[in-house]
Amino acid sequence: MNRTFHLALPDAWSRLRFAVLSLITYAYFYQGADPNQHSRIFLTDALLRRSVDITPDHGYTIDKSFFHERFLADKAPGISALAVPIRAVMGWLDRLVGAGTAVDSERARMHFLAIVLCGIAGVVSTLWVGDIVESYGANRREKTLSMVAYGFGTLVFPFSTVLFGHSFAAMLILACFRVVRGDFGGRLSLRGRSALFGFLGSLTIVTEYPTAVMIGVLAISLVLGRGGKPSRAIEVVIGGALGALPLLALHAYYLKVAFGSPFSMPYSHVFEPVFRMNHDKGLLGINLPSLGGIYGISLSPYRGLLFMCPHLLLAIFGFAYWLRDGGERDLRLVATLLVAYLLFSSAYYAWDGGGSTGPRHFIPALAFLSIPFFFFIRRSNWHFWLGAALAALSVFFMFTSTAVLVHQPEGEVFRSSPLYEVILPSFFRGELALNTQDVRTLGPRADAAYNLGMLAGLKGLWSLAPLAVLWLGAYLSDIVRSRTRGPAEGGPTRDPPASEVTAR
């Protein structure tokens, strides 16, 4: 028993250390405000008043709906509702100890909510990516690279620093995937596991509506399971319905109160003419998949994932290696999730995410590119170091984007490149935290965004030095040990067979 404890302790410590450092890194950056975050936090404040009306604050955001002479949030209400108890406690503490200036207090609240709801979600998703690739046979270095590449080398990094719904939805999608695999709820009955899936799936959807596409794919996989017997399908449907019913009922009640009908969606009532014009086309702005959207999401220098996160290119080859290793069932599910969400995202008129780092709507699907990326880097030492080099470039691009401006300007899909035109030049000039939109403030403010180093009085690139010192200090002993003892134990260097664990 003691031997097992001592063998497990280093892994548990490494996991905790990585999680804490990751959360501190996400929390280090405050991105200021924007219409999206404003819409969500205004709904939170309205719910605290036992209302859904954001009319008192509507002038600060263009992301809003209008119905029956009231302005309302146009976003899925999940994040706003989850923020209510946190916001209530923060208000109570403000009254107890006394808040600072109105602006500083509002910034602190927005920053804290982003850390608790989105920063923690990003960390949890990153840890789960490590768990999943480990179940496929990843050794320690392969698991570490997969986690770093996902948590810091994809859009998860910048969007774990803002109060959007994508990071939280990405965590929930992974939870649903792990329920289907049997990682979560494996000891429950089939109906119980289906109820858990139904609850998590409904929470995912009311956090980010587009994720209904992936929840549908995962639900079909759970229904079919192994063999797809009719009795199994009935159990899954009953359990899933029971699990989803509470949150879907609450969501229907919210829609009835806000928009007059449980079937009337917020995007049906968007107020801004330019948004309304596009949402009136197709189904709430969703048309047929477009080649321009697919190119823009994947390859374009404007918003392309493979351009901004080049290590993800290796995931394409990773699918071939995964197929060669076996595991067709899991591969089919992951590929279906990615293709379905890519087609859906390209069909949406705002596939670029507006002012955004990359195609932010695709964030909930990014974890499913991390699995084939692992299958690439496990092939050989050469494959691993190629993956590490491209992942390092991805981390640099995401780090600079997070440090400079998450809300990258809109432009022409075939010509503009905010990364090269704005982010990198600004970074090397030491111009950081460029967003000028502040909380509940009209007009630009130069101090609307910041990092913690800037608050401590550090200027330019020096404001990022504390992060480097923190990570180096936390891992210095590991670096020293690896140099004195040779390569650290990383587990097997051979290619173990892939786990075949989907929907048992």
Protein backbone atom coordinates (compact mmCIF):
# COMPACT_ATOMS: atom_id res chain seq x y z
CA MET A 1 0.00 0.00 0.00
CA ASN A 2 2.77 2.46 0.91
CA ARG A 3 4.63 1.65 -2.29
CA THR A 4 1.57 2.44 -4.39
CA PHE A 5 1.05 5.71 -2.54
CA HIS A 6 4.61 6.88 -3.10
CA LEU A 7 4.50 5.94 -6.77
CA ALA A 8 1.26 7.84 -7.30
CA LEU A 9 2.23 10.93 -5.33
CA PRO A 10 4.59 12.49 -7.92
CA ASP A 11 1.92 12.22 -10.64
CA ALA A 12 -0.70 13.80 -8.39
CA TRP A 13 1.71 16.59 -7.45
CA SER A 14 2.65 17.22 -11.09
CA ARG A 15 -1.01 17.39 -12.05
CA LEU A 16 -1.80 19.88 -9.27
CA ARG A 17 1.24 21.99 -10.05
CA PHE A 18 0.40 22.18 -13.74
CA ALA A 19 -3.24 23.02 -12.98
CA VAL A 20 -2.35 25.83 -10.56
CA LEU A 21 0.23 27.33 -12.91
CA SER A 22 -2.20 27.15 -15.83
CA LEU A 23 -4.93 28.90 -13.86
CA ILE A 24 -2.52 31.61 -12.70
CA THR A 25 -1.46 32.12 -16.32
CA TYR A 26 -5.05 32.50 -17.51
CA ALA A 27 -5.84 34.79 -14.58
CA TYR A 28 -2.78 36.93 -15.29
CA PHE A 29 -4.56 38.58 -18.22
CA TYR A 30 -7.62 40.81 -18.06
CA GLN A 31 -8.95 41.59 -21.51
CA GLY A 32 -11.29 44.48 -20.74
CA ALA A 33 -14.91 44.47 -21.88
CA ASP A 34 -16.74 43.97 -25.17
CA PRO A 35 -20.36 43.66 -26.33
CA ASN A 36 -20.40 39.87 -25.84
CA GLN A 37 -19.22 39.97 -22.22
CA HIS A 38 -21.45 42.96 -21.50
CA SER A 39 -24.52 41.12 -22.74
CA ARG A 40 -23.78 38.18 -20.45
CA ILE A 41 -22.98 40.16 -17.32
CA PHE A 42 -25.97 42.47 -17.81
CA LEU A 43 -28.22 39.40 -17.83
CA THR A 44 -26.53 38.19 -14.65
CA ASP A 45 -27.31 41.52 -12.97
CA ALA A 46 -30.88 41.40 -14.26
CA LEU A 47 -31.36 37.89 -12.85
CA LEU A 48 -30.11 39.15 -9.50
CA ARG A 49 -32.94 41.71 -9.68
CA ARG A 50 -35.31 38.81 -10.50
CA SER A 51 -35.73 40.13 -14.00
CA VAL A 52 -34.44 39.45 -17.52
CA ASP A 53 -34.58 43.07 -18.64
CA ILE A 54 -31.18 44.63 -19.47
CA THR A 55 -32.68 47.94 -20.61
CA PRO A 56 -30.86 49.97 -17.91
CA ASP A 57 -27.50 48.88 -19.38
CA HIS A 58 -28.32 48.29 -23.04
CA GLY A 59 -26.48 51.38 -24.24
CA TYR A 60 -23.14 49.74 -23.47
CA THR A 61 -23.58 46.79 -25.85
CA ILE A 62 -24.65 46.07 -29.40
CA ASP A 63 -25.15 42.38 -28.55
CA LYS A 64 -28.78 42.59 -27.49
CA SER A 65 -32.29 41.59 -28.46
CA PHE A 66 -35.48 43.63 -28.34
CA PHE A 67 -38.95 42.33 -27.51
CA HIS A 68 -42.07 44.04 -26.16
CA GLU A 69 -40.34 47.35 -25.50
CA ARG A 70 -37.50 45.74 -23.53
CA PHE A 71 -33.87 45.12 -24.30
CA LEU A 72 -32.69 41.58 -23.53
CA ALA A 73 -29.49 39.57 -23.77
CA ASP A 74 -29.07 37.84 -27.12
CA LYS A 75 -26.79 35.10 -25.80
CA ALA A 76 -27.49 31.63 -24.45
CA PRO A 77 -28.17 32.22 -20.74
CA GLY A 78 -26.02 29.44 -19.25
CA ILE A 79 -22.92 31.42 -18.30
CA SER A 80 -25.02 34.35 -17.07
CA ALA A 81 -27.08 32.08 -14.82
CA LEU A 82 -24.02 30.32 -13.42
CA ALA A 83 -22.50 33.70 -12.62
CA VAL A 84 -25.48 34.74 -10.47
CA PRO A 85 -24.39 33.16 -7.14
CA ILE A 86 -20.80 34.30 -7.67
CA ARG A 87 -21.91 37.82 -8.48
CA ALA A 88 -24.21 37.81 -5.42
CA VAL A 89 -21.35 36.86 -3.09
CA MET A 90 -19.12 39.51 -4.64
CA GLY A 91 -21.81 42.14 -4.10
CA TRP A 92 -22.17 41.08 -0.49
CA LEU A 93 -18.40 41.36 0.04
CA ASP A 94 -18.39 44.80 -1.58
CA ARG A 95 -21.00 45.97 0.90
CA LEU A 96 -19.16 44.34 3.79
CA VAL A 97 -15.64 45.67 3.21
CA GLY A 98 -16.35 48.55 0.87
CA ALA A 99 -15.54 48.56 -2.84
CA GLY A 100 -13.04 50.80 -4.60
CA THR A 101 -13.97 53.12 -7.44
CA ALA A 102 -16.90 52.06 -9.60
CA VAL A 103 -14.66 51.31 -12.58
CA ASP A 104 -12.13 49.30 -10.56
CA SER A 105 -14.92 47.35 -8.87
CA GLU A 106 -16.60 46.47 -12.18
CA ARG A 107 -13.27 45.37 -13.68
CA ALA A 108 -12.50 43.20 -10.65
CA ARG A 109 -15.90 41.53 -10.90
CA MET A 110 -15.57 40.84 -14.62
CA HIS A 111 -12.03 39.55 -14.16
CA PHE A 112 -12.99 37.27 -11.28
CA LEU A 113 -16.00 35.85 -13.12
CA ALA A 114 -13.81 35.11 -16.15
CA ILE A 115 -11.31 33.29 -13.93
CA VAL A 116 -13.90 31.20 -12.06
CA LEU A 117 -16.12 30.27 -14.99
CA CYS A 118 -13.77 30.25 -17.97
CA GLY A 119 -10.24 29.98 -16.57
CA ILE A 120 -11.04 26.97 -14.41
CA ALA A 121 -12.96 25.41 -17.31
CA GLY A 122 -9.89 25.78 -19.53
CA VAL A 123 -7.70 24.10 -16.92
CA VAL A 124 -10.13 21.21 -16.41
CA SER A 125 -10.42 20.66 -20.17
CA THR A 126 -6.64 20.57 -20.47
CA LEU A 127 -6.32 17.99 -17.70
CA TRP A 128 -9.02 15.87 -19.31
CA VAL A 129 -7.23 15.97 -22.66
CA GLY A 130 -4.22 14.52 -20.82
CA ASP A 131 -6.38 11.80 -19.27
CA ILE A 132 -7.88 10.88 -22.63
CA VAL A 133 -4.58 10.56 -24.49
CA GLU A 134 -3.18 8.61 -21.53
CA SER A 135 -6.03 6.13 -21.96
CA TYR A 136 -4.77 5.60 -25.51
CA GLY A 137 -1.27 4.79 -24.26
CA ALA A 138 0.46 8.17 -23.94
CA ASN A 139 3.62 8.22 -21.87
CA ARG A 140 4.46 11.17 -19.63
CA ARG A 141 6.12 13.41 -22.21
CA GLU A 142 3.45 12.71 -24.84
CA LYS A 143 0.73 13.49 -22.33
CA THR A 144 2.49 16.69 -21.26
CA LEU A 145 2.97 17.88 -24.83
CA SER A 146 -0.68 17.13 -25.68
CA MET A 147 -1.84 19.13 -22.66
CA VAL A 148 0.44 22.11 -23.28
CA ALA A 149 -0.44 22.17 -26.98
CA TYR A 150 -4.16 22.20 -26.17
CA GLY A 151 -4.23 24.47 -23.13
CA PHE A 152 -1.74 27.05 -24.41
CA GLY A 153 -1.39 26.40 -28.14
CA THR A 154 -5.05 26.69 -29.18
CA LEU A 155 -7.82 29.24 -28.86
CA VAL A 156 -8.56 27.76 -25.45
CA PHE A 157 -5.80 30.01 -24.05
CA PRO A 158 -7.15 33.44 -25.06
CA PHE A 159 -10.78 32.46 -24.49
CA SER A 160 -10.09 31.17 -20.99
CA THR A 161 -9.33 34.80 -20.12
CA VAL A 162 -12.70 36.30 -21.17
CA LEU A 163 -16.28 35.81 -20.01
CA PHE A 164 -17.49 34.07 -23.16
CA GLY A 165 -19.24 30.71 -23.19
CA HIS A 166 -16.81 28.80 -25.42
CA SER A 167 -14.28 27.62 -22.83
CA PHE A 168 -16.97 26.42 -20.45
CA ALA A 169 -18.82 24.69 -23.28
CA ALA A 170 -15.58 22.98 -24.36
CA MET A 171 -15.23 21.52 -20.87
CA LEU A 172 -18.82 20.28 -20.91
CA ILE A 173 -18.45 18.72 -24.36
CA LEU A 174 -15.42 16.80 -23.12
CA ALA A 175 -17.41 15.67 -20.09
CA CYS A 176 -20.16 14.36 -22.38
CA PHE A 177 -17.56 12.61 -24.53
CA ARG A 178 -16.13 10.94 -21.44
CA VAL A 179 -19.59 9.82 -20.36
CA VAL A 180 -20.07 8.19 -23.77
CA ARG A 181 -16.67 6.50 -23.43
CA GLY A 182 -17.56 5.27 -19.96
CA ASP A 183 -14.87 7.31 -18.18
CA PHE A 184 -17.58 9.09 -16.19
CA GLY A 185 -20.57 7.26 -14.78
CA GLY A 186 -19.09 3.88 -15.65
CA ARG A 187 -20.47 2.33 -12.46
CA LEU A 188 -23.96 3.67 -13.04
CA SER A 189 -26.68 1.77 -14.78
CA LEU A 190 -27.17 2.53 -18.46
CA ARG A 191 -30.16 4.69 -17.62
CA GLY A 192 -28.18 6.50 -14.92
CA ARG A 193 -25.27 7.16 -17.25
CA SER A 194 -27.69 8.38 -19.89
CA ALA A 195 -29.28 10.73 -17.35
CA LEU A 196 -25.84 12.13 -16.54
CA PHE A 197 -25.23 12.64 -20.25
CA GLY A 198 -28.62 14.33 -20.62
CA PHE A 199 -27.90 16.76 -17.80
CA LEU A 200 -24.40 17.66 -19.05
CA GLY A 201 -25.59 17.85 -22.65
CA SER A 202 -28.46 20.20 -21.81
CA LEU A 203 -26.10 22.41 -19.78
CA THR A 204 -23.74 22.52 -22.75
CA ILE A 205 -26.50 23.60 -25.12
CA VAL A 206 -27.87 26.36 -22.88
CA THR A 207 -24.29 27.64 -22.53
CA GLU A 208 -23.55 27.73 -26.27
CA TYR A 209 -26.44 26.89 -28.60
CA PRO A 210 -24.29 25.68 -31.55
CA THR A 211 -22.92 22.81 -29.44
CA ALA A 212 -26.28 21.07 -29.96
CA VAL A 213 -24.70 19.68 -33.14
CA MET A 214 -21.99 17.79 -31.23
CA ILE A 215 -24.34 16.80 -28.42
CA GLY A 216 -26.57 15.23 -31.06
CA VAL A 217 -23.66 13.23 -32.50
CA LEU A 218 -22.61 12.05 -29.03
CA ALA A 219 -26.22 11.15 -28.17
CA ILE A 220 -26.49 8.97 -31.27
CA SER A 221 -23.23 7.25 -30.34
CA LEU A 222 -24.54 6.56 -26.84
CA VAL A 223 -27.81 5.19 -28.21
CA LEU A 224 -26.09 2.90 -30.67
CA GLY A 225 -23.43 1.73 -28.22
CA ARG A 226 -22.15 -1.70 -28.96
CA GLY A 227 -24.74 -3.44 -31.06
CA GLY A 228 -27.50 -0.85 -30.89
CA LYS A 229 -30.17 -3.16 -29.42
CA PRO A 230 -33.68 -1.65 -29.24
CA SER A 231 -33.81 -2.19 -25.48
CA ARG A 232 -30.59 -0.21 -25.07
CA ALA A 233 -31.89 2.62 -27.20
CA ILE A 234 -35.03 2.88 -25.07
CA GLU A 235 -33.00 2.97 -21.85
CA VAL A 236 -30.70 5.66 -23.21
CA VAL A 237 -33.56 7.82 -24.49
CA ILE A 238 -35.50 7.59 -21.22
CA GLY A 239 -32.43 8.28 -19.09
CA GLY A 240 -31.22 11.10 -21.33
CA ALA A 241 -34.65 12.75 -21.32
CA LEU A 242 -34.89 12.57 -17.54
CA GLY A 243 -31.43 14.10 -17.15
CA ALA A 244 -32.03 16.88 -19.67
CA LEU A 245 -35.54 17.79 -18.59
CA PRO A 246 -34.76 20.05 -15.56
CA LEU A 247 -32.41 22.42 -17.39
CA LEU A 248 -34.37 22.42 -20.63
CA ALA A 249 -37.52 23.23 -18.66
CA LEU A 250 -35.76 26.14 -16.92
CA HIS A 251 -34.48 27.34 -20.28
CA ALA A 252 -37.97 27.15 -21.78
CA TYR A 253 -39.30 29.18 -18.84
CA TYR A 254 -36.59 31.80 -19.40
CA LEU A 255 -37.52 32.05 -23.09
CA LYS A 256 -41.21 32.36 -22.19
CA VAL A 257 -40.53 35.18 -19.73
CA ALA A 258 -38.06 36.99 -21.96
CA PHE A 259 -39.39 36.41 -25.48
CA GLY A 260 -43.00 35.36 -25.01
CA SER A 261 -42.65 31.71 -26.03
CA PRO A 262 -40.56 28.70 -24.90
CA PHE A 263 -39.63 28.23 -28.56
CA SER A 264 -38.59 31.82 -29.32
CA MET A 265 -34.80 32.05 -29.36
CA PRO A 266 -32.82 35.19 -28.43
CA TYR A 267 -31.29 35.45 -31.90
CA SER A 268 -34.80 35.76 -33.37
CA HIS A 269 -35.04 39.23 -31.83
CA VAL A 270 -31.58 40.77 -32.32
CA PHE A 271 -31.80 44.56 -32.29
CA GLU A 272 -28.88 45.85 -34.35
CA PRO A 273 -29.90 46.15 -38.03
CA VAL A 274 -26.71 44.55 -39.39
CA PHE A 275 -27.18 41.53 -37.12
CA ARG A 276 -30.90 41.32 -37.86
CA MET A 277 -30.27 41.40 -41.60
CA ASN A 278 -27.97 38.38 -41.36
CA HIS A 279 -30.04 36.45 -38.82
CA ASP A 280 -33.09 36.78 -41.07
CA LYS A 281 -31.28 34.72 -43.70
CA GLY A 282 -31.58 30.97 -43.43
CA LEU A 283 -32.18 29.62 -39.92
CA LEU A 284 -31.02 32.38 -37.55
CA GLY A 285 -28.09 33.14 -39.84
CA ILE A 286 -27.28 29.49 -40.60
CA ASN A 287 -27.27 28.58 -44.28
CA LEU A 288 -25.55 25.84 -46.26
CA PRO A 289 -21.88 25.06 -45.52
CA SER A 290 -19.59 27.25 -47.60
CA LEU A 291 -16.15 26.66 -49.05
CA GLY A 292 -15.22 30.19 -48.05
CA GLY A 293 -16.17 29.48 -44.45
CA ILE A 294 -14.28 26.17 -44.41
CA TYR A 295 -11.18 27.87 -45.84
CA GLY A 296 -11.52 30.78 -43.43
CA ILE A 297 -11.85 28.53 -40.39
CA SER A 298 -9.05 26.18 -41.36
CA LEU A 299 -6.34 27.74 -43.54
CA SER A 300 -6.81 31.47 -43.99
CA PRO A 301 -4.29 33.91 -42.50
CA TYR A 302 -7.32 35.87 -41.30
CA ARG A 303 -8.85 33.36 -38.84
CA GLY A 304 -7.46 29.98 -39.90
CA LEU A 305 -6.88 27.45 -37.11
CA LEU A 306 -4.05 25.76 -38.98
CA PHE A 307 -2.46 29.16 -39.61
CA MET A 308 -2.66 30.33 -35.99
CA CYS A 309 -2.17 26.91 -34.36
CA PRO A 310 0.10 25.12 -36.86
CA HIS A 311 0.59 22.00 -34.71
CA LEU A 312 -3.04 21.11 -35.46
CA LEU A 313 -1.99 20.39 -39.05
CA LEU A 314 -0.35 17.23 -37.71
CA ALA A 315 -3.73 16.02 -36.47
CA ILE A 316 -4.68 15.35 -40.10
CA PHE A 317 -1.81 12.87 -40.41
CA GLY A 318 -2.56 11.64 -36.91
CA PHE A 319 -5.90 10.29 -38.09
CA ALA A 320 -4.08 8.02 -40.55
CA TYR A 321 -1.77 6.72 -37.80
CA TRP A 322 -4.75 6.23 -35.49
CA LEU A 323 -6.53 4.17 -38.12
CA ARG A 324 -3.38 2.10 -38.66
CA ASP A 325 -3.16 1.40 -34.92
CA GLY A 326 -6.77 0.27 -34.65
CA GLY A 327 -9.51 1.97 -32.71
CA GLU A 328 -11.82 2.63 -35.65
CA ARG A 329 -14.84 3.12 -33.38
CA ASP A 330 -13.41 6.05 -31.43
CA LEU A 331 -11.83 7.45 -34.58
CA ARG A 332 -15.18 7.49 -36.38
CA LEU A 333 -16.83 9.31 -33.48
CA VAL A 334 -14.09 11.95 -33.22
CA ALA A 335 -13.97 12.48 -36.98
CA THR A 336 -17.76 12.79 -37.14
CA LEU A 337 -17.75 15.38 -34.35
CA LEU A 338 -15.11 17.46 -36.13
CA VAL A 339 -16.62 17.26 -39.60
CA ALA A 340 -20.14 17.98 -38.36
CA TYR A 341 -19.03 21.01 -36.37
CA LEU A 342 -16.80 22.32 -39.17
CA LEU A 343 -19.67 22.14 -41.65
CA PHE A 344 -22.04 23.78 -39.19
CA SER A 345 -19.58 26.54 -38.33
CA SER A 346 -18.92 27.29 -42.00
CA ALA A 347 -22.66 27.56 -42.60
CA TYR A 348 -23.02 30.36 -40.02
CA TYR A 349 -22.72 33.86 -41.45
CA ALA A 350 -20.38 34.94 -38.62
CA TRP A 351 -18.08 31.94 -38.84
CA ASP A 352 -15.12 34.26 -38.14
CA GLY A 353 -16.43 35.17 -34.69
CA GLY A 354 -16.41 38.92 -35.39
CA GLY A 355 -13.65 40.66 -33.45
CA SER A 356 -11.88 37.51 -32.32
CA THR A 357 -8.69 35.52 -32.12
CA GLY A 358 -9.40 32.78 -34.63
CA PRO A 359 -12.81 31.18 -35.27
CA ARG A 360 -13.97 31.20 -31.65
CA HIS A 361 -17.17 29.26 -32.36
CA PHE A 362 -15.01 26.19 -33.10
CA ILE A 363 -13.41 26.14 -29.63
CA PRO A 364 -15.70 23.41 -28.19
CA ALA A 365 -14.41 21.01 -30.88
CA LEU A 366 -10.69 21.69 -30.47
CA ALA A 367 -10.08 18.91 -27.94
CA PHE A 368 -10.99 16.39 -30.62
CA LEU A 369 -8.03 17.56 -32.69
CA SER A 370 -5.74 16.91 -29.73
CA ILE A 371 -6.38 13.15 -29.89
CA PRO A 372 -5.13 12.63 -33.47
CA PHE A 373 -2.30 15.06 -32.70
CA PHE A 374 -1.22 12.62 -29.98
CA PHE A 375 -1.34 9.72 -32.44
CA PHE A 376 1.08 11.64 -34.64
CA ILE A 377 3.65 12.50 -31.96
CA ARG A 378 3.72 8.94 -30.59
CA ARG A 379 5.00 7.41 -33.83
CA SER A 380 8.69 8.13 -33.26
CA ASN A 381 11.10 10.53 -31.68
CA TRP A 382 11.19 12.51 -34.92
CA HIS A 383 7.42 12.84 -34.96
CA PHE A 384 7.44 13.94 -31.33
CA TRP A 385 9.98 16.70 -31.82
CA LEU A 386 8.27 17.97 -34.96
CA GLY A 387 5.05 18.14 -32.94
CA ALA A 388 6.86 19.90 -30.10
CA ALA A 389 8.37 22.50 -32.48
CA LEU A 390 5.03 23.33 -34.10
CA ALA A 391 3.29 23.31 -30.72
CA ALA A 392 5.87 25.82 -29.45
CA LEU A 393 5.04 28.08 -32.39
CA SER A 394 1.32 27.70 -31.64
CA VAL A 395 1.90 28.57 -27.98
CA PHE A 396 3.86 31.67 -29.03
CA PHE A 397 1.05 32.82 -31.34
CA MET A 398 -1.61 32.23 -28.70
CA PHE A 399 0.48 33.84 -25.96
CA THR A 400 1.09 36.96 -28.01
CA SER A 401 -2.58 37.16 -28.99
CA THR A 402 -3.62 36.84 -25.35
CA ALA A 403 -1.09 39.41 -24.21
CA VAL A 404 -1.88 41.95 -26.93
CA LEU A 405 -5.52 41.69 -28.10
CA VAL A 406 -7.98 38.81 -28.01
CA HIS A 407 -10.52 40.93 -29.92
CA GLN A 408 -8.58 40.92 -33.18
CA PRO A 409 -10.00 43.25 -35.85
CA GLU A 410 -12.23 42.06 -38.65
CA GLY A 411 -10.91 42.08 -42.20
CA GLU A 412 -10.88 40.46 -45.62
CA VAL A 413 -10.66 36.68 -45.40
CA PHE A 414 -8.23 36.24 -48.31
CA ARG A 415 -5.95 39.17 -47.59
CA SER A 416 -5.83 40.35 -43.99
CA SER A 417 -3.84 38.72 -41.21
CA PRO A 418 -4.39 40.37 -37.82
CA LEU A 419 -1.75 38.09 -36.33
CA TYR A 420 1.01 39.49 -38.58
CA GLU A 421 -0.45 42.95 -39.10
CA VAL A 422 -1.41 43.78 -35.49
CA ILE A 423 -0.47 41.19 -32.88
CA LEU A 424 3.18 40.39 -33.59
CA PRO A 425 4.31 43.97 -34.42
CA SER A 426 2.58 45.27 -31.28
CA PHE A 427 4.07 42.52 -29.14
CA PHE A 428 7.65 43.20 -30.25
CA ARG A 429 7.12 46.90 -29.64
CA GLY A 430 6.01 46.05 -26.12
CA GLU A 431 2.48 47.34 -26.73
CA LEU A 432 0.25 45.01 -24.70
CA ALA A 433 -3.39 44.89 -23.54
CA LEU A 434 -4.65 47.04 -26.42
CA ASN A 435 -8.40 46.63 -25.92
CA THR A 436 -9.91 50.03 -25.09
CA GLN A 437 -13.46 48.86 -24.26
CA ASP A 438 -14.16 49.17 -20.55
CA VAL A 439 -16.95 47.83 -18.36
CA ARG A 440 -20.04 50.06 -18.38
CA THR A 441 -18.07 52.86 -20.01
CA LEU A 442 -18.83 54.71 -23.21
CA GLY A 443 -15.84 55.65 -25.30
CA PRO A 444 -12.31 54.20 -25.34
CA ARG A 445 -10.02 54.00 -22.31
CA ALA A 446 -6.33 53.26 -22.60
CA ASP A 447 -6.33 51.35 -19.30
CA ALA A 448 -9.37 49.17 -20.01
CA ALA A 449 -7.28 45.99 -20.27
CA TYR A 450 -4.18 44.95 -18.38
CA ASN A 451 -2.05 42.11 -17.10
CA LEU A 452 -1.05 41.69 -13.48
CA GLY A 453 2.51 42.75 -14.20
CA MET A 454 1.23 46.07 -15.51
CA LEU A 455 -0.78 46.56 -12.31
CA ALA A 456 2.48 46.05 -10.40
CA GLY A 457 4.07 48.87 -12.38
CA LEU A 458 6.04 46.84 -14.94
CA LYS A 459 6.15 48.23 -18.47
CA GLY A 460 5.98 46.58 -21.88
CA LEU A 461 7.38 43.07 -22.24
CA TRP A 462 8.79 43.27 -18.71
CA SER A 463 5.22 43.00 -17.44
CA LEU A 464 5.24 39.38 -18.66
CA ALA A 465 8.46 38.49 -16.81
CA PRO A 466 6.72 37.31 -13.61
CA LEU A 467 4.99 34.55 -15.58
CA ALA A 468 8.30 33.30 -16.95
CA VAL A 469 9.85 33.38 -13.48
CA LEU A 470 6.89 31.52 -12.02
CA TRP A 471 6.99 28.67 -14.54
CA LEU A 472 10.78 28.41 -14.46
CA GLY A 473 10.82 28.35 -10.66
CA ALA A 474 8.11 25.70 -10.51
CA TYR A 475 9.94 23.37 -12.90
CA LEU A 476 13.57 24.21 -12.15
CA SER A 477 14.09 21.15 -9.95
CA ASP A 478 12.67 18.90 -12.70
CA ILE A 479 15.02 20.44 -15.25
CA VAL A 480 18.02 19.94 -12.98
CA ARG A 481 17.06 16.32 -12.27
CA SER A 482 16.57 15.56 -15.95
CA ARG A 483 20.04 16.90 -16.75
CA THR A 484 21.76 14.99 -13.96
CA ARG A 485 19.87 11.70 -14.34
CA GLY A 486 19.39 11.63 -18.09
CA PRO A 487 16.02 11.44 -19.81
CA ALA A 488 13.11 11.26 -17.38
CA GLU A 489 11.02 8.18 -17.31
CA GLY A 490 8.32 8.67 -19.84
CA GLY A 491 6.67 5.33 -19.97
CA PRO A 492 6.87 2.95 -22.91
CA THR A 493 8.57 4.09 -26.09
CA ARG A 494 6.91 1.42 -28.19
CA ASP A 495 3.50 2.03 -29.67
CA PRO A 496 0.90 0.35 -27.44
CA PRO A 497 -2.44 -0.58 -28.96
CA ALA A 498 -5.09 2.11 -28.90
CA SER A 499 -7.87 1.85 -26.36
CA GLU A 500 -11.21 0.86 -27.76
CA VAL A 501 -13.53 2.25 -25.16
CA THR A 502 -16.32 4.12 -26.92
CA ALA A 503 -19.88 3.63 -25.66
CA ARG A 504 -19.61 0.41 -23.82
